[in-house]
Protein backbone atom coordinates (compact mmCIF):
# COMPACT_ATOMS: atom_id res chain seq x y z
CA MET A 1 86.10 125.74 185.69
CA VAL A 2 83.56 124.96 188.28
CA HIS A 3 80.64 126.55 190.08
CA GLY A 4 82.20 129.01 192.66
CA ASP A 5 85.35 129.92 190.67
CA ARG A 6 85.99 133.60 190.47
CA VAL A 7 86.67 134.76 186.99
CA GLU A 8 87.68 138.11 185.45
CA VAL A 9 85.92 139.06 182.26
CA ALA A 10 88.78 139.74 179.87
CA VAL A 11 87.06 140.45 176.57
CA VAL A 12 83.58 140.85 175.06
CA PRO A 13 82.54 137.83 172.92
CA GLU A 14 82.75 138.59 169.21
CA SER A 15 79.08 137.55 168.47
CA LEU A 16 76.44 138.89 170.78
CA PRO A 17 72.74 139.01 170.28
CA SER A 18 71.71 142.56 169.33
CA GLY A 19 69.43 144.85 171.30
CA MET A 20 68.34 145.08 174.93
CA GLY A 21 71.73 146.60 175.93
CA THR A 22 73.63 143.36 175.62
CA GLN A 23 76.85 144.85 174.16
CA ALA A 24 76.94 147.58 176.84
CA LEU A 25 76.33 145.11 179.69
CA PHE A 26 79.30 142.90 178.46
CA GLU A 27 81.47 145.89 178.08
CA ALA A 28 80.66 147.09 181.66
CA CYS A 29 81.83 143.64 182.81
CA VAL A 30 85.32 143.69 181.23
CA GLY A 31 88.06 143.94 183.96
CA ARG A 32 85.64 142.99 186.85
CA VAL A 33 85.63 139.78 188.73
CA PHE A 34 82.53 137.56 189.26
CA PRO A 35 81.78 134.18 190.61
CA VAL A 36 80.67 131.39 188.30
CA VAL A 37 77.00 130.63 189.24
CA GLY A 38 76.16 128.17 186.48
CA ILE A 39 77.71 126.13 183.71
CA GLU A 40 75.57 124.92 180.72
CA ASN A 41 76.32 123.98 177.13
CA GLY A 42 80.00 125.07 177.55
CA LEU A 43 79.03 128.51 178.80
CA LEU A 44 79.68 130.12 182.18
CA GLU A 45 76.83 132.08 183.95
CA LEU A 46 77.89 135.12 185.80
CA GLU A 47 75.66 137.40 187.83
CA VAL A 48 76.84 140.86 186.91
CA GLY A 49 74.23 143.36 188.18
CA GLU A 50 76.94 145.12 190.18
CA ALA A 51 78.59 146.20 186.99
CA VAL A 52 75.65 148.46 186.29
CA GLY A 53 75.04 149.58 189.85
CA GLU A 54 72.34 146.94 190.76
CA GLU A 55 72.22 143.84 192.94
CA SER A 56 74.30 140.96 191.48
CA PHE A 57 71.42 138.82 190.70
CA MET A 58 69.51 141.39 188.70
CA HIS A 59 71.61 140.76 185.59
CA SER A 60 73.35 137.67 184.39
CA ILE A 61 75.40 136.86 181.37
CA TRP A 62 76.33 133.67 179.64
CA ILE A 63 80.04 133.79 178.42
CA GLU A 64 82.46 131.50 176.73
CA PRO A 65 85.32 130.32 179.09
CA GLU A 66 87.88 131.70 176.47
CA CYS A 67 86.61 135.27 177.24
CA VAL A 68 87.51 135.08 181.04
CA VAL A 69 90.54 134.48 183.21
CA CYS A 70 90.25 132.34 186.31
CA ILE A 71 91.33 134.33 189.34
CA VAL A 72 90.33 131.93 192.15
CA ARG A 73 89.69 128.25 191.51
CA LEU A 74 87.49 126.57 194.20
CA GLY A 75 86.76 122.89 194.54
CA GLU A 76 90.17 121.47 194.76
CA VAL A 77 90.50 119.07 197.73
CA HIS A 78 93.80 118.60 199.69
CA ALA A 79 94.81 115.09 200.73
CA ARG A 80 93.45 115.90 204.21
CA GLY A 81 89.97 116.48 202.67
CA ARG A 82 89.85 120.27 203.22
CA LEU A 83 88.57 122.54 200.36
CA SER A 84 91.39 124.65 199.09
CA CYS A 85 91.18 127.97 197.21
CA ARG A 86 94.10 128.43 194.87
CA LEU A 87 95.11 131.63 193.09
CA VAL A 88 95.63 131.18 189.45
């Protein structure tokens, strides 16, 4: 996956830090689609504020790729050099 791909959160990761509403935030994201805004140490960053009724950038989660399904993959280039968006 790359920056800009749109992914659906499929499951809540098994081990989450406790407190600060982390579990509830992840649960609110299941079944929703978000763009990948960052990738670091094998985790995807998703801005998910809209899942709790706020602006997207107000809340972000870091999630394992195994917990999401890629809905739209960006960044693939056609032979003619155009950017393509492919449904997965």
